[in-house]
Amino acid sequence: MAGELGVTVKSFYWTLGNYDMVSIMEGTAEAVTSALMKVGSLGNVRSQTLQGFSADEFKQLVGHMS
């Protein structure tokens, strides 16, 4: 389903603690949001999104501060 929306699932981890699992996905914000909304509409699933940056991407963002 994610692939049909233009989202690539890079990895998937089952976790201990506050969250049961972590999924690493790649795609546009709109595509990932659509995928999560579709999964959520199936019931019994809640999600929280975090945008990640590579070291080079983060250096570029920090560079805009000066």
PDB file of N, CA and C in Angstrom:
ATOM      1  N   MET A   1       0.825  -1.188   0.000  1.00  0.00           N
ATOM      2  CA  MET A   1       0.000   0.000   0.000  1.00  0.00           C
ATOM      3  C   MET A   1       0.871   1.254   0.000  1.00  0.00           C
ATOM      4  N   ALA A   2       1.939   1.253   0.782  1.00  0.00           N
ATOM      5  CA  ALA A   2       2.806   2.429   0.845  1.00  0.00           C
ATOM      6  C   ALA A   2       3.420   2.721  -0.526  1.00  0.00           C
ATOM      7  N   GLY A   3       3.865   1.674  -1.211  1.00  0.00           N
ATOM      8  CA  GLY A   3       4.472   1.842  -2.524  1.00  0.00           C
ATOM      9  C   GLY A   3       3.527   2.467  -3.526  1.00  0.00           C
ATOM     10  N   GLU A   4       2.252   2.123  -3.438  1.00  0.00           N
ATOM     11  CA  GLU A   4       1.252   2.701  -4.345  1.00  0.00           C
ATOM     12  C   GLU A   4       1.111   4.201  -4.144  1.00  0.00           C
ATOM     13  N   LEU A   5       1.470   4.676  -2.934  1.00  0.00           N
ATOM     14  CA  LEU A   5       1.369   6.100  -2.620  1.00  0.00           C
ATOM     15  C   LEU A   5       2.699   6.832  -2.813  1.00  0.00           C
ATOM     16  N   GLY A   6       3.726   6.104  -3.271  1.00  0.00           N
ATOM     17  CA  GLY A   6       5.029   6.723  -3.494  1.00  0.00           C
ATOM     18  C   GLY A   6       5.912   6.743  -2.258  1.00  0.00           C
ATOM     19  N   VAL A   7       5.624   5.843  -1.311  1.00  0.00           N
ATOM     20  CA  VAL A   7       6.390   5.774  -0.071  1.00  0.00           C
ATOM     21  C   VAL A   7       7.195   4.479  -0.064  1.00  0.00           C
ATOM     22  N   THR A   8       8.459   4.568   0.331  1.00  0.00           N
ATOM     23  CA  THR A   8       9.306   3.395   0.466  1.00  0.00           C
ATOM     24  C   THR A   8       9.519   3.119   1.951  1.00  0.00           C
ATOM     25  N   VAL A   9       9.209   1.896   2.384  1.00  0.00           N
ATOM     26  CA  VAL A   9       9.480   1.500   3.758  1.00  0.00           C
ATOM     27  C   VAL A   9      10.914   1.002   3.790  1.00  0.00           C
ATOM     28  N   LYS A  10      11.786   1.750   4.467  1.00  0.00           N
ATOM     29  CA  LYS A  10      13.212   1.443   4.499  1.00  0.00           C
ATOM     30  C   LYS A  10      13.537   0.368   5.536  1.00  0.00           C
ATOM     31  N   SER A  11      12.905   0.439   6.706  1.00  0.00           N
ATOM     32  CA  SER A  11      13.125  -0.557   7.752  1.00  0.00           C
ATOM     33  C   SER A  11      11.973  -0.512   8.739  1.00  0.00           C
ATOM     34  N   PHE A  12      11.905  -1.564   9.554  1.00  0.00           N
ATOM     35  CA  PHE A  12      10.797  -1.725  10.487  1.00  0.00           C
ATOM     36  C   PHE A  12      11.339  -2.420  11.730  1.00  0.00           C
ATOM     37  N   TYR A  13      11.078  -1.849  12.902  1.00  0.00           N
ATOM     38  CA  TYR A  13      11.595  -2.392  14.156  1.00  0.00           C
ATOM     39  C   TYR A  13      10.469  -2.541  15.173  1.00  0.00           C
ATOM     40  N   TRP A  14      10.449  -3.650  15.886  1.00  0.00           N
ATOM     41  CA  TRP A  14       9.579  -3.805  17.044  1.00  0.00           C
ATOM     42  C   TRP A  14      10.371  -3.303  18.235  1.00  0.00           C
ATOM     43  N   THR A  15       9.746  -2.525  19.097  1.00  0.00           N
ATOM     44  CA  THR A  15      10.473  -1.859  20.174  1.00  0.00           C
ATOM     45  C   THR A  15       9.837  -2.126  21.529  1.00  0.00           C
ATOM     46  N   LEU A  16      10.576  -1.829  22.573  1.00  0.00           N
ATOM     47  CA  LEU A  16      10.099  -1.890  23.945  1.00  0.00           C
ATOM     48  C   LEU A  16       9.951  -0.461  24.444  1.00  0.00           C
ATOM     49  N   GLY A  17       8.999  -0.226  25.322  1.00  0.00           N
ATOM     50  CA  GLY A  17       8.826   1.118  25.870  1.00  0.00           C
ATOM     51  C   GLY A  17       7.516   1.733  25.414  1.00  0.00           C
ATOM     52  N   ASN A  18       7.526   3.036  25.201  1.00  0.00           N
ATOM     53  CA  ASN A  18       6.297   3.767  24.870  1.00  0.00           C
ATOM     54  C   ASN A  18       5.715   3.409  23.509  1.00  0.00           C
ATOM     55  N   TYR A  19       6.545   2.911  22.620  1.00  0.00           N
ATOM     56  CA  TYR A  19       6.093   2.631  21.258  1.00  0.00           C
ATOM     57  C   TYR A  19       6.301   1.157  20.952  1.00  0.00           C
ATOM     58  N   ASP A  20       5.361   0.561  20.250  1.00  0.00           N
ATOM     59  CA  ASP A  20       5.447  -0.860  19.921  1.00  0.00           C
ATOM     60  C   ASP A  20       6.324  -1.128  18.709  1.00  0.00           C
ATOM     61  N   MET A  21       6.402  -0.163  17.831  1.00  0.00           N
ATOM     62  CA  MET A  21       7.200  -0.352  16.624  1.00  0.00           C
ATOM     63  C   MET A  21       7.625   0.987  16.043  1.00  0.00           C
ATOM     64  N   VAL A  22       8.682   0.930  15.254  1.00  0.00           N
ATOM     65  CA  VAL A  22       9.186   2.099  14.542  1.00  0.00           C
ATOM     66  C   VAL A  22       9.363   1.698  13.091  1.00  0.00           C
ATOM     67  N   SER A  23       8.852   2.510  12.218  1.00  0.00           N
ATOM     68  CA  SER A  23       8.983   2.271  10.784  1.00  0.00           C
ATOM     69  C   SER A  23       9.738   3.449  10.178  1.00  0.00           C
ATOM     70  N   ILE A  24      10.770   3.159   9.423  1.00  0.00           N
ATOM     71  CA  ILE A  24      11.529   4.195   8.725  1.00  0.00           C
ATOM     72  C   ILE A  24      11.028   4.221   7.286  1.00  0.00           C
ATOM     73  N   MET A  25      10.444   5.346   6.889  1.00  0.00           N
ATOM     74  CA  MET A  25       9.858   5.473   5.554  1.00  0.00           C
ATOM     75  C   MET A  25      10.470   6.657   4.832  1.00  0.00           C
ATOM     76  N   GLU A  26      10.438   6.591   3.512  1.00  0.00           N
ATOM     77  CA  GLU A  26      10.966   7.670   2.687  1.00  0.00           C
ATOM     78  C   GLU A  26       9.920   8.041   1.648  1.00  0.00           C
ATOM     79  N   GLY A  27       9.672   9.330   1.525  1.00  0.00           N
ATOM     80  CA  GLY A  27       8.712   9.836   0.546  1.00  0.00           C
ATOM     81  C   GLY A  27       8.421  11.288   0.865  1.00  0.00           C
ATOM     82  N   THR A  28       7.604  11.902   0.067  1.00  0.00           N
ATOM     83  CA  THR A  28       7.230  13.293   0.348  1.00  0.00           C
ATOM     84  C   THR A  28       6.378  13.329   1.610  1.00  0.00           C
ATOM     85  N   ALA A  29       6.325  14.487   2.245  1.00  0.00           N
ATOM     86  CA  ALA A  29       5.503  14.643   3.447  1.00  0.00           C
ATOM     87  C   ALA A  29       4.050  14.279   3.158  1.00  0.00           C
ATOM     88  N   GLU A  30       3.575  14.676   1.995  1.00  0.00           N
ATOM     89  CA  GLU A  30       2.187  14.398   1.623  1.00  0.00           C
ATOM     90  C   GLU A  30       1.949  12.897   1.455  1.00  0.00           C
ATOM     91  N   ALA A  31       2.887  12.207   0.800  1.00  0.00           N
ATOM     92  CA  ALA A  31       2.723  10.776   0.561  1.00  0.00           C
ATOM     93  C   ALA A  31       2.782   9.987   1.864  1.00  0.00           C
ATOM     94  N   VAL A  32       3.738  10.320   2.733  1.00  0.00           N
ATOM     95  CA  VAL A  32       3.858   9.616   4.008  1.00  0.00           C
ATOM     96  C   VAL A  32       2.627   9.875   4.866  1.00  0.00           C
ATOM     97  N   THR A  33       2.156  11.120   4.913  1.00  0.00           N
ATOM     98  CA  THR A  33       0.953  11.443   5.678  1.00  0.00           C
ATOM     99  C   THR A  33      -0.241  10.664   5.152  1.00  0.00           C
ATOM    100  N   SER A  34      -0.393  10.584   3.850  1.00  0.00           N
ATOM    101  CA  SER A  34      -1.501   9.817   3.264  1.00  0.00           C
ATOM    102  C   SER A  34      -1.420   8.345   3.651  1.00  0.00           C
ATOM    103  N   ALA A  35      -0.211   7.787   3.616  1.00  0.00           N
ATOM    104  CA  ALA A  35      -0.038   6.379   3.980  1.00  0.00           C
ATOM    105  C   ALA A  35      -0.410   6.152   5.441  1.00  0.00           C
ATOM    106  N   LEU A  36       0.049   7.036   6.325  1.00  0.00           N
ATOM    107  CA  LEU A  36      -0.265   6.887   7.742  1.00  0.00           C
ATOM    108  C   LEU A  36      -1.753   7.066   8.016  1.00  0.00           C
ATOM    109  N   MET A  37      -2.384   7.981   7.317  1.00  0.00           N
ATOM    110  CA  MET A  37      -3.822   8.172   7.483  1.00  0.00           C
ATOM    111  C   MET A  37      -4.589   6.940   7.012  1.00  0.00           C
ATOM    112  N   LYS A  38      -4.124   6.340   5.927  1.00  0.00           N
ATOM    113  CA  LYS A  38      -4.778   5.138   5.414  1.00  0.00           C
ATOM    114  C   LYS A  38      -4.641   3.991   6.409  1.00  0.00           C
ATOM    115  N   VAL A  39      -3.443   3.803   6.966  1.00  0.00           N
ATOM    116  CA  VAL A  39      -3.243   2.756   7.962  1.00  0.00           C
ATOM    117  C   VAL A  39      -4.084   3.049   9.201  1.00  0.00           C
ATOM    118  N   GLY A  40      -4.091   4.292   9.651  1.00  0.00           N
ATOM    119  CA  GLY A  40      -4.875   4.678  10.820  1.00  0.00           C
ATOM    120  C   GLY A  40      -6.365   4.456  10.644  1.00  0.00           C
ATOM    121  N   SER A  41      -6.850   4.617   9.423  1.00  0.00           N
ATOM    122  CA  SER A  41      -8.282   4.438   9.165  1.00  0.00           C
ATOM    123  C   SER A  41      -8.714   2.980   9.293  1.00  0.00           C
ATOM    124  N   LEU A  42      -7.751   2.056   9.298  1.00  0.00           N
ATOM    125  CA  LEU A  42      -8.070   0.638   9.462  1.00  0.00           C
ATOM    126  C   LEU A  42      -8.418   0.309  10.908  1.00  0.00           C
ATOM    127  N   GLY A  43      -8.086   1.201  11.821  1.00  0.00           N
ATOM    128  CA  GLY A  43      -8.413   1.032  13.234  1.00  0.00           C
ATOM    129  C   GLY A  43      -7.249   0.488  14.042  1.00  0.00           C
ATOM    130  N   ASN A  44      -7.269   0.806  15.343  1.00  0.00           N
ATOM    131  CA  ASN A  44      -6.319   0.279  16.313  1.00  0.00           C
ATOM    132  C   ASN A  44      -4.863   0.645  16.017  1.00  0.00           C
ATOM    133  N   VAL A  45      -4.638   1.717  15.289  1.00  0.00           N
ATOM    134  CA  VAL A  45      -3.272   2.164  14.991  1.00  0.00           C
ATOM    135  C   VAL A  45      -3.204   3.671  15.227  1.00  0.00           C
ATOM    136  N   ARG A  46      -2.205   4.086  15.983  1.00  0.00           N
ATOM    137  CA  ARG A  46      -1.917   5.506  16.162  1.00  0.00           C
ATOM    138  C   ARG A  46      -0.483   5.723  15.722  1.00  0.00           C
ATOM    139  N   SER A  47      -0.201   6.887  15.183  1.00  0.00           N
ATOM    140  CA  SER A  47       1.164   7.134  14.706  1.00  0.00           C
ATOM    141  C   SER A  47       1.660   8.493  15.197  1.00  0.00           C
ATOM    142  N   GLN A  48       2.960   8.600  15.203  1.00  0.00           N
ATOM    143  CA  GLN A  48       3.633   9.863  15.474  1.00  0.00           C
ATOM    144  C   GLN A  48       4.745   9.965  14.442  1.00  0.00           C
ATOM    145  N   THR A  49       4.830  11.098  13.790  1.00  0.00           N
ATOM    146  CA  THR A  49       5.850  11.250  12.754  1.00  0.00           C
ATOM    147  C   THR A  49       6.985  12.131  13.240  1.00  0.00           C
ATOM    148  N   LEU A  50       8.174  11.802  12.791  1.00  0.00           N
ATOM    149  CA  LEU A  50       9.372  12.589  13.050  1.00  0.00           C
ATOM    150  C   LEU A  50      10.130  12.686  11.742  1.00  0.00           C
ATOM    151  N   GLN A  51      10.535  13.878  11.379  1.00  0.00           N
ATOM    152  CA  GLN A  51      11.325  14.027  10.161  1.00  0.00           C
ATOM    153  C   GLN A  51      12.793  13.934  10.536  1.00  0.00           C
ATOM    154  N   GLY A  52      13.513  13.088   9.840  1.00  0.00           N
ATOM    155  CA  GLY A  52      14.931  12.909  10.107  1.00  0.00           C
ATOM    156  C   GLY A  52      15.792  13.568   9.042  1.00  0.00           C
ATOM    157  N   PHE A  53      17.015  13.883   9.421  1.00  0.00           N
ATOM    158  CA  PHE A  53      17.966  14.523   8.516  1.00  0.00           C
ATOM    159  C   PHE A  53      19.300  13.797   8.587  1.00  0.00           C
ATOM    160  N   SER A  54      19.959  13.674   7.462  1.00  0.00           N
ATOM    161  CA  SER A  54      21.327  13.146   7.459  1.00  0.00           C
ATOM    162  C   SER A  54      22.237  14.210   8.067  1.00  0.00           C
ATOM    163  N   ALA A  55      23.470  13.826   8.386  1.00  0.00           N
ATOM    164  CA  ALA A  55      24.419  14.788   8.951  1.00  0.00           C
ATOM    165  C   ALA A  55      24.637  15.957   7.992  1.00  0.00           C
ATOM    166  N   ASP A  56      24.764  15.669   6.699  1.00  0.00           N
ATOM    167  CA  ASP A  56      24.980  16.745   5.719  1.00  0.00           C
ATOM    168  C   ASP A  56      23.767  17.661   5.615  1.00  0.00           C
ATOM    169  N   GLU A  57      22.571  17.080   5.617  1.00  0.00           N
ATOM    170  CA  GLU A  57      21.356  17.903   5.560  1.00  0.00           C
ATOM    171  C   GLU A  57      21.257  18.804   6.786  1.00  0.00           C
ATOM    172  N   PHE A  58      21.596  18.247   7.958  1.00  0.00           N
ATOM    173  CA  PHE A  58      21.505  19.048   9.184  1.00  0.00           C
ATOM    174  C   PHE A  58      22.544  20.161   9.196  1.00  0.00           C
ATOM    175  N   LYS A  59      23.750  19.885   8.708  1.00  0.00           N
ATOM    176  CA  LYS A  59      24.775  20.936   8.609  1.00  0.00           C
ATOM    177  C   LYS A  59      24.283  22.074   7.734  1.00  0.00           C
ATOM    178  N   GLN A  60      23.602  21.736   6.652  1.00  0.00           N
ATOM    179  CA  GLN A  60      23.072  22.752   5.744  1.00  0.00           C
ATOM    180  C   GLN A  60      22.005  23.586   6.458  1.00  0.00           C
ATOM    181  N   LEU A  61      21.140  22.948   7.209  1.00  0.00           N
ATOM    182  CA  LEU A  61      20.113  23.683   7.954  1.00  0.00           C
ATOM    183  C   LEU A  61      20.730  24.624   8.978  1.00  0.00           C
ATOM    184  N   VAL A  62      21.730  24.128   9.704  1.00  0.00           N
ATOM    185  CA  VAL A  62      22.401  24.951  10.713  1.00  0.00           C
ATOM    186  C   VAL A  62      23.117  26.124  10.029  1.00  0.00           C
ATOM    187  N   GLY A  63      23.635  25.894   8.843  1.00  0.00           N
ATOM    188  CA  GLY A  63      24.322  26.943   8.096  1.00  0.00           C
ATOM    189  C   GLY A  63      23.422  28.116   7.768  1.00  0.00           C
ATOM    190  N   HIS A  64      22.118  27.898   7.699  1.00  0.00           N
ATOM    191  CA  HIS A  64      21.163  28.972   7.400  1.00  0.00           C
ATOM    192  C   HIS A  64      20.930  29.878   8.604  1.00  0.00           C
ATOM    193  N   MET A  65      21.431  29.486   9.774  1.00  0.00           N
ATOM    194  CA  MET A  65      21.205  30.265  10.985  1.00  0.00           C
ATOM    195  C   MET A  65      22.064  31.528  11.046  1.00  0.00           C
ATOM    196  N   SER A  66      23.183  31.520  10.348  1.00  0.00           N
ATOM    197  CA  SER A  66      24.089  32.678  10.464  1.00  0.00           C
ATOM    198  C   SER A  66      23.781  33.744   9.459  1.00  0.00           C
TER     199      SER A  66
END
